[in-house]
Amino acid sequence: MSGTREFLEARDFLLTVQNYEEAKRDFKWPRLKEFNWALDYFDIMAEERTDPAVIFVDDEGAEEKLSFQRLRERSNQVANFLKSIGLGKGDRILLLLPNRIELFEVFLGAMKVGCPIIPASTLLMSGDIEDRIIRGKIKCVISDRQLAERVEQAGGAEKLLKSKIIVEDLLEGWLSYSETGAFSSAFTSDQRFFPEDELLIYFTSGTTAKPKLVLHTHSSYPVGHLTTMYWIGLKPGDLHYNISAPGWAKHAWSTIFAAWNAEATTFVYGYAGKFDPKKTLEKIEEYEIQTLCAPPTVWRLLLLENLKKYNFALREVVSAGEPLNPEIIERVKEDTGITIREGYGQTETTLQIGTFPGVEVKAGSMGVEAPGFNIAIIDYDNHKLAPEGKEGAIAIKVKPERPVGLMTHYIDPREKNLEVFVEDWYLTGDLAIKDKNGYFWFIGRVDDVFKSSDYRIGPFEIESELLTHNLVAESAVVASPDELRGFVPKAFITLKPSFSPSRKNALELFKFIRSRMAPYKRPRIIEFTPELPKTVSGKIRRTELRNYETELRSKKTRASNEYFEGDFAQELKM
C-alpha cells in the first residue's frame, strides 16, 4: 500500500498552517513504507486538476499549455516506451535536455518505470558527458540533436549505453522519441517502490573539486521538497516561475517538486542564447506570474533593468542557489515594493534554512531553520555546539532522527561520506553564525574563509558591501598572498555595462572601501575583469581565482586592469 495519504496529510498541513511557529512545532515528516510520487501522487492529483501543469513559451512566439491530465498520459506513453526497449527499475538515464515539454514527460515517465534520473546541464561538453556516463553507470541517454552529437564524441563511454534516444530529430544509431506516441496512455507498474530506492543522482557543481555524485531517493526529493514548497509560499492554482536551467538540483527543487506538490502550474521560458533580463521581465509581467524563484546572479541581472516600469502580479519572490546580498533585497523592494525572501539548501538537501512566509526579513540573514530540520552551528574541529553568536559550521542533526530532505550518501567519491557524516551530524561545508533569535548569518564556504593578520575573513560580507556601489555589477573576493599579513583580500570586480576599467574607477572604489570597511577586511587589491569564472550552474569558481592569484603573486607580476591600494597613497593620504 502506497503512502499517498500520509504524504497528503503532511502536504496539506504546510499549505494551510497559519504561521511559521506552528509549522516548526507541529510538522512531522511522513515516514512512508512504499511510495512512487509520479504514480501515487501526481497521477491521482492529475485526475482532478483542470488547469495546466506546464505553460511553455519561447522567443519564437511558441506557447504550449500541457494539462495535468495530458502530462499524465504522455508520461505513461514514455514509461511504456522505456519498458519496451528493455529499461527497468534501477537502469539509470542521463537526461540531456533543455527546458522543453519533453523534459517533464521523461522525468515522470522514468520515475514511473523506476529508472533513476541523472539530469545534466546542456552546457556540458563531450568530456563532461563521458565522465557522467562512466561514473554514473548510465544505461540510456535522452537528448536533443545538439547534445546527441556531444554524446557521440564522448570517447568509449558511448559503448557502455544500452540505448540512446533523440528528441525531435533523427540520427543513425539513436531511437526517435516520436515513437513514444504509438504506446498506450495507460500504464501499470509491476514494481514496488520503497523510500530508499534510487530516484535522482546529481553531479554537484564542482566549485572546489571534481563533481560529486549525490544520491536522492523516492522519498528525499519528492517528500523532502515539502519544505521548499512551504518556503516559496505556493498555493494550488498559482503560476510559478523558477528561473533555473535543467541539470541542476534547483530545477527539480522548484520547477517540478515544489510547484506540483502545491498543485501549482509551472511556467517555463525556453529562451534562446544568453539570459535576457528585459525579455524575462516582460514574460513575468505578461503572464502574470504570481510566485518567482531566482538565484542572486539572476536578480543582479534583472536589476540592470528599470523594474519600476513593470506592472507585476507577483505575490511571493524568493532567492536560492547562492547567498543573497542585502543590497539586492533593498533595491528590489525599492523598485517593486516586494521583499525577496532568501532560502538555503544544497544539491545534497532540500530547503533547510530560509525566511518563510510571515517571518521577518533580516537583510543579510539566511533565515531560520525549516520545519522538519534540526540545525545547529558547531565547532568544525570538535563537533561541539558553538556558543551563541560564534562562528561555526552549519550542521544538520541526523541522529536520532534523520530529516527526509537529505541525500542518502555520495556515490562517488565514497570517502567523502566520512568527511560530511560525522557523529550525529551532516556537515554542509558552510560557515555561519546563529543569533539569539534563531537567525543564521552566512560567512562563507569553509574553503573560502581565510586569515589576514590573524583576523578571519569571509568573502561574502565584503562582496555584499562592494555591490552597494553603483559601479559594481558582480564581485568575488579571495585571499591574495602577502609577505607581511600572510594574506590580504583581493576583489575581482565586474563593472556595470556603462562603466569601463580605469585608474579613476579603481580610486573611487578604494575610497569607498576605506569609508565603509574595517581596515583588516578591506580589499588591498582590485582587478577589473569582464566576467567572473563560473561553473555551468552559475556559481563563482573561487578556487580558480585563488589559483590564478597565487600564481600571479608568485611571479611578482601585475595583471592588466589590476590596481593596488598603495598605487593611490597620495590620493588616499596613506
Protein backbone atom coordinates (compact mmCIF):
# COMPACT_ATOMS: atom_id res chain seq x y z
CA MET A 1 0.00 0.00 0.00
CA SER A 2 1.40 3.40 -1.00
CA GLY A 3 2.00 6.30 1.36
CA THR A 4 -0.22 8.74 -0.55
CA ARG A 5 -2.49 9.53 2.40
CA GLU A 6 0.40 10.25 4.78
CA PHE A 7 2.09 12.39 2.12
CA LEU A 8 -1.04 14.43 1.53
CA GLU A 9 -1.62 14.97 5.24
CA ALA A 10 1.87 16.45 5.62
CA ARG A 11 1.45 18.50 2.42
CA ASP A 12 -1.96 19.86 3.42
CA PHE A 13 -0.65 20.84 6.83
CA LEU A 14 2.05 23.05 5.29
CA LEU A 15 -0.41 24.52 2.76
CA THR A 16 -2.83 25.64 5.48
CA VAL A 17 -0.67 26.28 8.55
CA GLN A 18 -1.20 29.76 9.96
CA ASN A 19 2.35 30.77 10.87
CA TYR A 20 5.97 29.62 10.98
CA GLU A 21 5.94 28.92 14.72
CA GLU A 22 3.09 26.45 14.29
CA ALA A 23 4.76 24.87 11.24
CA LYS A 24 8.05 24.43 13.07
CA ARG A 25 6.41 22.99 16.16
CA ASP A 26 3.90 20.60 14.60
CA PHE A 27 5.25 19.49 11.20
CA LYS A 28 6.35 15.86 11.07
CA TRP A 29 7.94 14.17 8.09
CA PRO A 30 5.73 11.41 6.69
CA ARG A 31 7.69 8.18 7.07
CA LEU A 32 6.44 6.17 4.12
CA LYS A 33 6.80 2.42 3.68
CA GLU A 34 6.14 2.47 -0.06
CA PHE A 35 5.82 5.44 -2.40
CA ASN A 36 6.28 6.49 -6.01
CA TRP A 37 5.50 10.20 -6.31
CA ALA A 38 4.65 10.01 -10.02
CA LEU A 39 2.26 7.07 -9.66
CA ASP A 40 0.89 7.52 -6.16
CA TYR A 41 0.60 11.30 -6.08
CA PHE A 42 0.93 13.03 -9.45
CA ASP A 43 -1.33 10.70 -11.42
CA ILE A 44 -4.08 10.82 -8.79
CA MET A 45 -3.81 14.61 -8.48
CA ALA A 46 -3.88 14.96 -12.30
CA GLU A 47 -7.38 13.44 -12.46
CA GLU A 48 -8.85 16.40 -10.60
CA ARG A 49 -6.82 19.39 -11.83
CA THR A 50 -8.20 21.25 -14.84
CA ASP A 51 -5.52 23.96 -15.05
CA PRO A 52 -2.20 23.47 -16.88
CA ALA A 53 0.66 21.57 -15.28
CA VAL A 54 3.12 23.43 -17.54
CA ILE A 55 2.98 26.59 -19.61
CA PHE A 56 5.91 26.72 -22.03
CA VAL A 57 6.90 29.77 -24.10
CA ASP A 58 9.96 30.63 -26.17
CA ASP A 59 11.48 33.51 -28.14
CA GLU A 60 9.92 32.30 -31.39
CA GLY A 61 6.43 33.05 -30.13
CA ALA A 62 5.52 29.46 -29.29
CA GLU A 63 3.15 28.86 -26.42
CA GLU A 64 2.18 25.40 -25.24
CA LYS A 65 -0.07 24.56 -22.32
CA LEU A 66 0.01 20.99 -21.09
CA SER A 67 -2.72 19.96 -18.68
CA PHE A 68 -2.05 17.71 -15.70
CA GLN A 69 -4.20 15.05 -17.33
CA ARG A 70 -2.34 15.25 -20.64
CA LEU A 71 1.03 15.14 -18.87
CA ARG A 72 -0.12 12.04 -17.04
CA GLU A 73 -0.99 10.39 -20.36
CA ARG A 74 2.20 11.45 -22.12
CA SER A 75 4.41 10.30 -19.24
CA ASN A 76 2.57 6.95 -19.32
CA GLN A 77 3.41 6.62 -23.01
CA VAL A 78 7.05 7.41 -22.24
CA ALA A 79 7.06 4.83 -19.44
CA ASN A 80 5.67 2.15 -21.76
CA PHE A 81 8.24 3.06 -24.41
CA LEU A 82 11.13 2.83 -21.94
CA LYS A 83 9.95 -0.62 -20.85
CA SER A 84 9.66 -1.74 -24.46
CA ILE A 85 13.33 -1.03 -25.13
CA GLY A 86 14.40 -3.09 -22.15
CA LEU A 87 14.80 -0.47 -19.45
CA GLY A 88 13.58 -1.26 -15.96
CA LYS A 89 13.89 -0.39 -12.31
CA GLY A 90 17.44 0.59 -11.45
CA ASP A 91 18.59 1.40 -15.03
CA ARG A 92 19.97 4.93 -14.89
CA ILE A 93 19.01 7.53 -17.51
CA LEU A 94 21.12 10.58 -18.38
CA LEU A 95 18.67 13.38 -19.19
CA LEU A 96 20.33 15.90 -21.53
CA LEU A 97 17.51 18.25 -22.47
CA PRO A 98 16.95 22.00 -22.26
CA ASN A 99 13.75 23.43 -20.81
CA ARG A 100 11.09 21.92 -23.05
CA ILE A 101 7.89 19.91 -22.64
CA GLU A 102 9.57 16.56 -23.34
CA LEU A 103 11.81 17.00 -20.30
CA PHE A 104 8.80 16.83 -17.99
CA GLU A 105 7.31 13.86 -19.82
CA VAL A 106 10.57 11.92 -19.46
CA PHE A 107 11.05 12.96 -15.85
CA LEU A 108 7.70 11.49 -14.83
CA GLY A 109 7.86 8.54 -17.22
CA ALA A 110 11.27 7.40 -15.99
CA MET A 111 10.08 7.75 -12.39
CA LYS A 112 7.10 5.50 -13.11
CA VAL A 113 9.33 2.77 -14.52
CA GLY A 114 11.83 3.17 -11.69
CA CYS A 115 14.74 4.36 -13.81
CA PRO A 116 16.96 6.66 -11.71
CA ILE A 117 17.37 10.02 -13.47
CA ILE A 118 20.67 11.87 -13.82
CA PRO A 119 19.79 15.39 -15.02
CA ALA A 120 22.65 17.10 -16.85
CA SER A 121 23.35 20.65 -17.92
CA THR A 122 23.07 21.45 -21.62
CA LEU A 123 26.39 23.31 -21.29
CA LEU A 124 28.34 20.10 -20.72
CA MET A 125 30.97 19.22 -23.29
CA SER A 126 31.83 15.72 -24.52
CA GLY A 127 34.45 15.16 -21.79
CA ASP A 128 31.92 16.03 -19.08
CA ILE A 129 29.34 13.73 -20.65
CA GLU A 130 31.87 10.90 -20.83
CA ASP A 131 32.62 11.35 -17.11
CA ARG A 132 28.93 11.21 -16.25
CA ILE A 133 28.27 8.11 -18.34
CA ILE A 134 31.19 6.25 -16.76
CA ARG A 135 30.91 7.33 -13.14
CA GLY A 136 27.12 7.39 -13.23
CA LYS A 137 26.92 3.91 -14.79
CA ILE A 138 24.40 5.21 -17.31
CA LYS A 139 22.28 2.77 -19.33
CA CYS A 140 20.38 5.27 -21.51
CA VAL A 141 20.81 8.84 -22.75
CA ILE A 142 17.92 11.06 -23.83
CA SER A 143 18.93 14.29 -25.58
CA ASP A 144 18.27 16.69 -28.43
CA ARG A 145 20.33 16.83 -31.65
CA GLN A 146 22.97 19.28 -30.48
CA LEU A 147 23.76 17.32 -27.33
CA ALA A 148 23.49 13.98 -29.11
CA GLU A 149 26.49 15.00 -31.19
CA ARG A 150 28.47 15.60 -27.99
CA VAL A 151 27.44 12.18 -26.74
CA GLU A 152 28.80 10.70 -29.98
CA GLN A 153 32.16 12.33 -29.17
CA ALA A 154 32.26 11.02 -25.60
CA GLY A 155 35.09 8.58 -26.22
CA GLY A 156 34.47 4.95 -25.45
CA ALA A 157 31.82 5.78 -22.88
CA GLU A 158 29.10 5.72 -25.51
CA LYS A 159 29.61 1.95 -25.90
CA LEU A 160 28.51 1.45 -22.29
CA LEU A 161 24.98 2.60 -23.13
CA LYS A 162 22.09 0.20 -23.64
CA SER A 163 20.10 2.76 -25.64
CA LYS A 164 20.14 6.32 -26.95
CA ILE A 165 17.01 8.39 -27.59
CA ILE A 166 16.88 11.63 -29.57
CA VAL A 167 14.11 14.23 -29.33
CA GLU A 168 12.60 15.97 -32.36
CA ASP A 169 15.15 14.65 -34.87
CA LEU A 170 16.63 11.52 -36.44
CA LEU A 171 20.18 10.27 -36.01
CA GLU A 172 21.72 6.95 -37.00
CA GLY A 173 22.07 4.65 -34.02
CA TRP A 174 19.51 6.60 -32.00
CA LEU A 175 15.88 5.80 -31.27
CA SER A 176 13.37 8.55 -32.06
CA TYR A 177 11.42 9.98 -29.14
CA SER A 178 8.48 10.35 -31.51
CA GLU A 179 7.96 6.58 -31.15
CA THR A 180 6.50 7.20 -27.69
CA GLY A 181 3.30 8.42 -29.35
CA ALA A 182 2.46 4.90 -30.52
CA PHE A 183 2.29 3.50 -26.99
CA SER A 184 -0.68 3.24 -24.65
CA SER A 185 -1.52 6.26 -22.49
CA ALA A 186 -2.36 3.88 -19.65
CA PHE A 187 0.47 2.50 -17.55
CA THR A 188 0.51 -0.09 -14.79
CA SER A 189 3.66 -0.75 -12.83
CA ASP A 190 4.67 -4.26 -11.83
CA GLN A 191 7.20 -2.91 -9.32
CA ARG A 192 7.06 -1.93 -5.66
CA PHE A 193 8.78 1.33 -4.71
CA PHE A 194 10.38 1.97 -1.35
CA PRO A 195 11.62 5.23 0.21
CA GLU A 196 15.26 4.17 -0.10
CA ASP A 197 15.03 3.35 -3.85
CA GLU A 198 17.16 5.50 -6.16
CA LEU A 199 15.33 8.34 -7.87
CA LEU A 200 17.75 11.16 -8.72
CA ILE A 201 21.52 11.35 -8.96
CA TYR A 202 23.05 14.79 -9.23
CA PHE A 203 26.59 15.76 -10.10
CA THR A 204 27.50 18.74 -7.89
CA SER A 205 28.65 21.99 -9.49
CA GLY A 206 32.31 21.29 -8.71
CA THR A 207 33.32 24.73 -7.41
CA THR A 208 36.27 23.36 -5.41
CA ALA A 209 36.87 19.82 -6.73
CA LYS A 210 35.70 17.21 -9.22
CA PRO A 211 31.88 16.98 -9.18
CA LYS A 212 30.50 14.56 -6.58
CA LEU A 213 27.60 12.17 -7.26
CA VAL A 214 24.73 12.85 -4.85
CA LEU A 215 22.06 10.18 -4.39
CA HIS A 216 18.43 11.09 -3.72
CA THR A 217 15.58 8.67 -3.30
CA HIS A 218 11.86 8.29 -3.90
CA SER A 219 11.45 9.94 -0.51
CA SER A 220 14.23 12.51 -0.07
CA TYR A 221 13.28 14.75 -3.01
CA PRO A 222 9.53 14.33 -3.65
CA VAL A 223 8.72 14.33 0.08
CA GLY A 224 11.68 16.43 1.18
CA HIS A 225 10.63 19.33 -1.02
CA LEU A 226 7.53 19.90 1.05
CA THR A 227 9.75 22.32 2.97
CA THR A 228 10.68 24.05 -0.30
CA MET A 229 7.00 24.38 -1.22
CA TYR A 230 6.28 25.93 2.16
CA TRP A 231 9.21 28.35 1.90
CA ILE A 232 8.17 29.63 -1.53
CA GLY A 233 4.63 30.17 -0.27
CA LEU A 234 2.99 28.26 -3.11
CA LYS A 235 -0.76 27.66 -3.22
CA PRO A 236 -2.93 25.47 -5.51
CA GLY A 237 -3.55 27.20 -8.83
CA ASP A 238 -0.55 29.55 -8.60
CA LEU A 239 1.51 30.25 -11.71
CA HIS A 240 5.08 29.68 -10.57
CA TYR A 241 8.27 30.60 -12.43
CA ASN A 242 11.59 29.16 -11.31
CA ILE A 243 14.50 30.64 -13.26
CA SER A 244 16.85 27.71 -13.42
CA ALA A 245 18.45 25.55 -16.07
CA PRO A 246 17.78 21.81 -16.24
CA GLY A 247 20.57 19.65 -14.93
CA TRP A 248 20.85 21.34 -11.57
CA ALA A 249 19.14 20.49 -8.32
CA LYS A 250 17.36 23.84 -8.11
CA HIS A 251 15.44 22.99 -11.29
CA ALA A 252 13.86 19.91 -9.71
CA TRP A 253 13.57 21.77 -6.39
CA SER A 254 11.28 24.49 -7.61
CA THR A 255 10.15 23.85 -11.19
CA ILE A 256 8.93 20.31 -10.51
CA PHE A 257 8.54 19.16 -6.92
CA ALA A 258 7.70 22.37 -5.04
CA ALA A 259 5.28 23.54 -7.74
CA TRP A 260 3.44 20.26 -8.27
CA ASN A 261 3.43 19.35 -4.59
CA ALA A 262 1.31 22.50 -4.22
CA GLU A 263 -0.79 21.69 -7.32
CA ALA A 264 0.51 24.87 -8.93
CA THR A 265 1.29 25.47 -12.61
CA THR A 266 4.95 25.69 -13.52
CA PHE A 267 5.95 28.33 -16.08
CA VAL A 268 8.85 27.58 -18.41
CA TYR A 269 10.55 30.17 -20.61
CA GLY A 270 12.80 28.45 -23.13
CA TYR A 271 14.85 31.45 -24.13
CA ALA A 272 17.45 31.16 -26.87
CA GLY A 273 21.08 32.06 -26.26
CA LYS A 274 22.09 34.09 -23.22
CA PHE A 275 19.70 35.07 -20.47
CA ASP A 276 17.96 38.33 -21.39
CA PRO A 277 16.69 40.20 -18.31
CA LYS A 278 14.44 42.52 -20.33
CA LYS A 279 12.62 39.70 -22.13
CA THR A 280 12.33 37.75 -18.89
CA LEU A 281 10.74 40.68 -17.07
CA GLU A 282 8.31 41.14 -19.96
CA LYS A 283 7.26 37.48 -19.66
CA ILE A 284 6.80 37.79 -15.88
CA GLU A 285 4.53 40.79 -16.46
CA GLU A 286 2.67 39.40 -19.48
CA TYR A 287 1.81 36.03 -17.94
CA GLU A 288 1.04 37.50 -14.53
CA ILE A 289 3.46 35.24 -12.69
CA GLN A 290 2.46 35.01 -9.03
CA THR A 291 5.45 33.30 -7.44
CA LEU A 292 9.04 33.69 -8.60
CA CYS A 293 12.23 31.91 -7.60
CA ALA A 294 15.63 33.03 -8.93
CA PRO A 295 19.28 32.87 -7.83
CA PRO A 296 21.19 36.04 -6.84
CA THR A 297 23.05 36.02 -10.18
CA VAL A 298 19.72 36.43 -11.99
CA TRP A 299 18.47 39.06 -9.55
CA ARG A 300 21.62 41.12 -10.22
CA LEU A 301 20.94 40.96 -13.96
CA LEU A 302 17.27 41.87 -13.52
CA LEU A 303 18.32 44.94 -11.53
CA LEU A 304 20.21 46.24 -14.56
CA GLU A 305 16.73 46.96 -15.96
CA ASN A 306 14.23 49.53 -14.71
CA LEU A 307 11.89 47.39 -12.60
CA LYS A 308 9.66 50.36 -11.80
CA LYS A 309 8.15 50.42 -15.28
CA TYR A 310 6.60 46.95 -14.98
CA ASN A 311 3.20 46.07 -13.55
CA PHE A 312 3.80 42.74 -11.83
CA ALA A 313 1.24 40.36 -10.34
CA LEU A 314 3.88 38.84 -8.07
CA ARG A 315 2.84 37.75 -4.57
CA GLU A 316 5.94 35.84 -3.40
CA VAL A 317 9.54 36.23 -4.59
CA VAL A 318 12.41 34.14 -3.28
CA SER A 319 16.09 33.56 -3.94
CA ALA A 320 18.27 30.46 -3.56
CA GLY A 321 21.40 28.94 -5.03
CA GLU A 322 23.94 31.34 -3.51
CA PRO A 323 23.95 33.79 -0.58
CA LEU A 324 21.71 36.78 -1.26
CA ASN A 325 23.38 40.15 -0.85
CA PRO A 326 21.35 42.66 1.24
CA GLU A 327 21.74 45.28 -1.49
CA ILE A 328 19.62 43.16 -3.84
CA ILE A 329 16.78 42.89 -1.32
CA GLU A 330 16.80 46.65 -0.74
CA ARG A 331 16.84 47.60 -4.42
CA VAL A 332 14.09 45.15 -5.44
CA LYS A 333 11.87 46.37 -2.60
CA GLU A 334 12.53 50.00 -3.54
CA ASP A 335 11.66 49.38 -7.20
CA THR A 336 8.71 46.99 -6.82
CA GLY A 337 7.54 47.11 -3.23
CA ILE A 338 8.16 43.35 -3.00
CA THR A 339 10.56 41.81 -0.47
CA ILE A 340 12.73 38.89 -1.58
CA ARG A 341 12.93 36.06 0.93
CA GLU A 342 16.11 34.02 1.00
CA GLY A 343 16.43 30.25 1.16
CA TYR A 344 19.39 27.99 1.78
CA GLY A 345 19.87 24.41 0.72
CA GLN A 346 22.25 22.29 -1.30
CA THR A 347 22.27 19.66 -4.01
CA GLU A 348 22.56 17.31 -1.05
CA THR A 349 19.46 18.67 0.70
CA THR A 350 16.09 20.27 0.20
CA LEU A 351 15.35 23.73 1.67
CA GLN A 352 16.84 23.61 5.17
CA ILE A 353 17.08 27.30 6.20
CA GLY A 354 15.02 30.21 4.94
CA THR A 355 12.92 33.26 5.56
CA PHE A 356 9.46 31.73 5.45
CA PRO A 357 6.15 33.48 4.73
CA GLY A 358 5.26 35.74 7.64
CA VAL A 359 8.78 35.61 9.12
CA GLU A 360 10.55 38.96 9.48
CA VAL A 361 13.14 39.53 6.75
CA LYS A 362 16.52 40.49 8.16
CA ALA A 363 18.73 41.67 5.31
CA GLY A 364 21.91 39.64 5.22
CA SER A 365 20.45 36.71 7.14
CA MET A 366 19.78 33.31 5.60
CA GLY A 367 16.68 33.00 7.77
CA VAL A 368 15.65 30.34 10.31
CA GLU A 369 15.64 26.55 10.23
CA ALA A 370 13.00 24.80 8.16
CA PRO A 371 10.23 22.67 9.65
CA GLY A 372 11.44 19.11 9.96
CA PHE A 373 15.10 20.08 10.36
CA ASN A 374 17.27 20.38 13.46
CA ILE A 375 20.20 22.63 12.51
CA ALA A 376 22.99 23.92 14.69
CA ILE A 377 26.26 25.79 14.48
CA ILE A 378 29.04 23.53 15.70
CA ASP A 379 32.80 23.78 16.12
CA TYR A 380 34.31 22.40 12.95
CA ASP A 381 37.09 20.59 14.81
CA ASN A 382 35.48 19.04 17.89
CA HIS A 383 31.84 18.96 16.66
CA LYS A 384 30.54 20.54 19.87
CA LEU A 385 27.82 23.20 19.81
CA ALA A 386 29.29 26.65 19.23
CA PRO A 387 28.36 29.38 21.73
CA GLU A 388 25.55 31.72 20.67
CA GLY A 389 26.81 34.34 18.22
CA LYS A 390 30.04 32.48 17.49
CA GLU A 391 31.14 31.34 14.06
CA GLY A 392 30.96 27.64 13.26
CA ALA A 393 29.90 25.00 10.76
CA ILE A 394 26.28 24.67 9.64
CA ALA A 395 25.32 21.12 10.63
CA ILE A 396 22.12 19.09 10.31
CA LYS A 397 21.26 16.67 13.10
CA VAL A 398 20.87 13.16 11.70
CA LYS A 399 20.53 11.23 14.97
CA PRO A 400 18.31 10.01 16.50
CA GLU A 401 16.04 11.06 13.61
CA ARG A 402 17.28 11.86 10.13
CA PRO A 403 15.38 14.55 8.17
CA VAL A 404 13.77 13.22 4.99
CA GLY A 405 15.14 16.05 2.85
CA LEU A 406 18.76 14.89 2.97
CA MET A 407 20.68 12.76 0.49
CA THR A 408 21.46 9.18 1.46
CA HIS A 409 25.16 9.49 0.57
CA TYR A 410 27.73 10.34 -2.08
CA ILE A 411 28.01 7.58 -4.65
CA ASP A 412 31.40 8.93 -5.71
CA PRO A 413 33.79 9.65 -4.11
CA ARG A 414 32.72 7.28 -1.33
CA GLU A 415 35.36 8.55 1.10
CA LYS A 416 33.69 11.98 1.09
CA ASN A 417 30.88 10.50 3.21
CA LEU A 418 33.31 10.09 6.12
CA GLU A 419 34.01 13.84 5.98
CA VAL A 420 30.41 15.04 5.95
CA PHE A 421 28.64 12.47 8.15
CA VAL A 422 30.38 12.89 11.49
CA GLU A 423 28.95 11.60 14.77
CA ASP A 424 25.37 12.94 15.00
CA TRP A 425 25.78 15.48 12.19
CA TYR A 426 25.80 16.10 8.47
CA LEU A 427 28.28 18.92 7.81
CA THR A 428 27.23 21.23 4.99
CA GLY A 429 30.70 22.69 4.43
CA ASP A 430 29.43 26.23 5.09
CA LEU A 431 30.20 28.54 7.98
CA ALA A 432 27.69 30.80 9.71
CA ILE A 433 26.63 32.44 12.97
CA LYS A 434 23.31 31.81 14.70
CA ASP A 435 21.93 34.67 16.76
CA LYS A 436 19.73 34.58 19.86
CA ASN A 437 16.56 34.82 17.75
CA GLY A 438 17.41 31.74 15.70
CA TYR A 439 18.52 33.58 12.56
CA PHE A 440 21.52 32.24 10.64
CA TRP A 441 24.12 34.60 9.14
CA PHE A 442 26.25 33.22 6.33
CA ILE A 443 30.03 33.68 6.44
CA GLY A 444 31.31 31.52 3.60
CA ARG A 445 32.39 28.11 2.43
CA VAL A 446 34.97 26.53 4.71
CA ASP A 447 37.40 26.56 1.77
CA ASP A 448 36.82 30.28 1.09
CA VAL A 449 37.37 31.74 4.57
CA PHE A 450 40.94 32.88 5.26
CA LYS A 451 43.05 34.72 7.82
CA SER A 452 44.74 38.10 7.39
CA SER A 453 46.96 39.31 10.25
CA ASP A 454 45.16 36.72 12.42
CA TYR A 455 41.69 38.12 11.53
CA ARG A 456 39.29 35.58 9.98
CA ILE A 457 37.68 36.95 6.83
CA GLY A 458 34.65 35.62 4.95
CA PRO A 459 34.31 36.94 1.39
CA PHE A 460 30.51 37.23 1.39
CA GLU A 461 30.37 40.27 3.68
CA ILE A 462 32.95 42.17 1.62
CA GLU A 463 31.30 41.24 -1.68
CA SER A 464 27.93 42.42 -0.39
CA GLU A 465 29.40 45.78 0.58
CA LEU A 466 31.05 46.20 -2.82
CA LEU A 467 27.73 45.55 -4.55
CA THR A 468 26.23 48.64 -2.93
CA HIS A 469 28.49 50.82 -5.12
CA ASN A 470 26.89 51.92 -8.38
CA LEU A 471 29.93 50.87 -10.44
CA VAL A 472 29.79 47.21 -9.42
CA ALA A 473 27.77 44.52 -11.19
CA GLU A 474 29.45 41.49 -9.60
CA SER A 475 32.35 40.87 -7.23
CA ALA A 476 34.35 37.96 -5.88
CA VAL A 477 36.85 38.23 -3.02
CA VAL A 478 39.72 35.79 -2.49
CA ALA A 479 42.89 35.59 -0.40
CA SER A 480 45.99 37.12 -2.00
CA PRO A 481 49.39 36.01 -0.61
CA ASP A 482 51.08 38.85 1.28
CA GLU A 483 54.56 38.79 2.89
CA LEU A 484 53.52 40.93 5.86
CA ARG A 485 49.96 39.80 6.65
CA GLY A 486 50.02 36.27 5.26
CA PHE A 487 47.03 37.07 3.07
CA VAL A 488 45.05 40.17 2.16
CA PRO A 489 41.64 40.37 0.48
CA LYS A 490 41.63 40.91 -3.26
CA ALA A 491 38.44 41.88 -5.09
CA PHE A 492 37.73 40.78 -8.65
CA ILE A 493 35.13 43.19 -9.97
CA THR A 494 32.85 43.14 -12.99
CA LEU A 495 31.65 46.64 -13.79
CA LYS A 496 28.16 47.55 -14.91
CA PRO A 497 27.79 47.91 -18.71
CA SER A 498 28.07 51.72 -18.72
CA PHE A 499 31.49 51.70 -16.99
CA SER A 500 34.98 50.68 -18.09
CA PRO A 501 38.13 49.67 -16.19
CA SER A 502 40.25 52.72 -15.35
CA ARG A 503 42.52 54.18 -12.71
CA LYS A 504 39.78 56.69 -11.90
CA ASN A 505 37.22 53.97 -11.17
CA ALA A 506 39.74 51.99 -9.13
CA LEU A 507 40.44 55.08 -7.00
CA GLU A 508 36.73 55.67 -6.48
CA LEU A 509 36.31 52.11 -5.27
CA PHE A 510 39.31 52.28 -2.93
CA LYS A 511 37.89 55.49 -1.41
CA PHE A 512 34.56 53.73 -0.98
CA ILE A 513 36.23 50.72 0.62
CA ARG A 514 38.15 52.85 3.10
CA SER A 515 35.00 54.69 4.13
CA ARG A 516 32.86 51.57 4.59
CA MET A 517 35.06 48.70 5.79
CA ALA A 518 37.25 47.95 8.77
CA PRO A 519 40.99 48.08 7.91
CA TYR A 520 41.57 44.35 8.43
CA LYS A 521 38.99 43.26 5.86
CA ARG A 522 39.14 45.92 3.19
CA PRO A 523 40.45 44.70 -0.21
CA ARG A 524 44.02 45.88 -0.82
CA ILE A 525 43.95 44.85 -4.48
CA ILE A 526 41.28 45.32 -7.15
CA GLU A 527 41.25 43.65 -10.53
CA PHE A 528 38.62 44.53 -13.11
CA THR A 529 37.50 41.56 -15.17
CA PRO A 530 34.93 41.28 -17.99
CA GLU A 531 33.35 38.28 -16.25
CA LEU A 532 33.90 36.02 -13.29
CA PRO A 533 34.75 32.34 -13.83
CA LYS A 534 31.69 30.25 -13.04
CA THR A 535 30.55 26.68 -13.06
CA VAL A 536 27.90 25.70 -15.60
CA SER A 537 25.37 26.15 -12.79
CA GLY A 538 26.39 29.81 -12.41
CA LYS A 539 28.37 29.60 -9.16
CA ILE A 540 31.61 31.54 -8.90
CA ARG A 541 34.71 29.36 -9.12
CA ARG A 542 36.72 30.92 -6.30
CA THR A 543 39.19 28.03 -6.47
CA GLU A 544 40.12 29.15 -9.97
CA LEU A 545 40.51 32.75 -8.82
CA ARG A 546 42.65 31.68 -5.84
CA ASN A 547 44.95 29.61 -8.03
CA TYR A 548 45.24 32.45 -10.53
CA GLU A 549 46.04 34.94 -7.77
CA THR A 550 48.65 32.69 -6.13
CA GLU A 551 50.43 32.20 -9.46
CA LEU A 552 50.30 35.92 -10.23
CA ARG A 553 51.86 36.88 -6.90
CA SER A 554 54.50 34.13 -7.11
CA LYS A 555 55.66 35.58 -10.43
CA LYS A 556 55.67 39.08 -8.89
CA THR A 557 53.81 40.39 -11.91
CA ARG A 558 50.73 42.54 -12.29
CA ALA A 559 47.68 41.77 -14.38
CA SER A 560 46.16 44.27 -16.74
CA ASN A 561 43.44 46.31 -15.06
CA GLU A 562 44.84 45.39 -11.62
CA TYR A 563 45.31 48.12 -9.01
CA PHE A 564 46.88 48.11 -5.54
CA GLU A 565 45.78 50.34 -2.70
CA GLY A 566 49.37 51.56 -2.47
CA ASP A 567 49.13 52.95 -6.02
CA PHE A 568 46.94 55.70 -4.58
CA ALA A 569 48.94 56.60 -1.48
CA GLN A 570 48.78 60.32 -2.18
CA GLU A 571 45.09 60.45 -3.12
CA LEU A 572 44.12 58.29 -0.14
CA LYS A 573 46.51 60.13 2.20
CA MET A 574 48.06 56.88 3.36
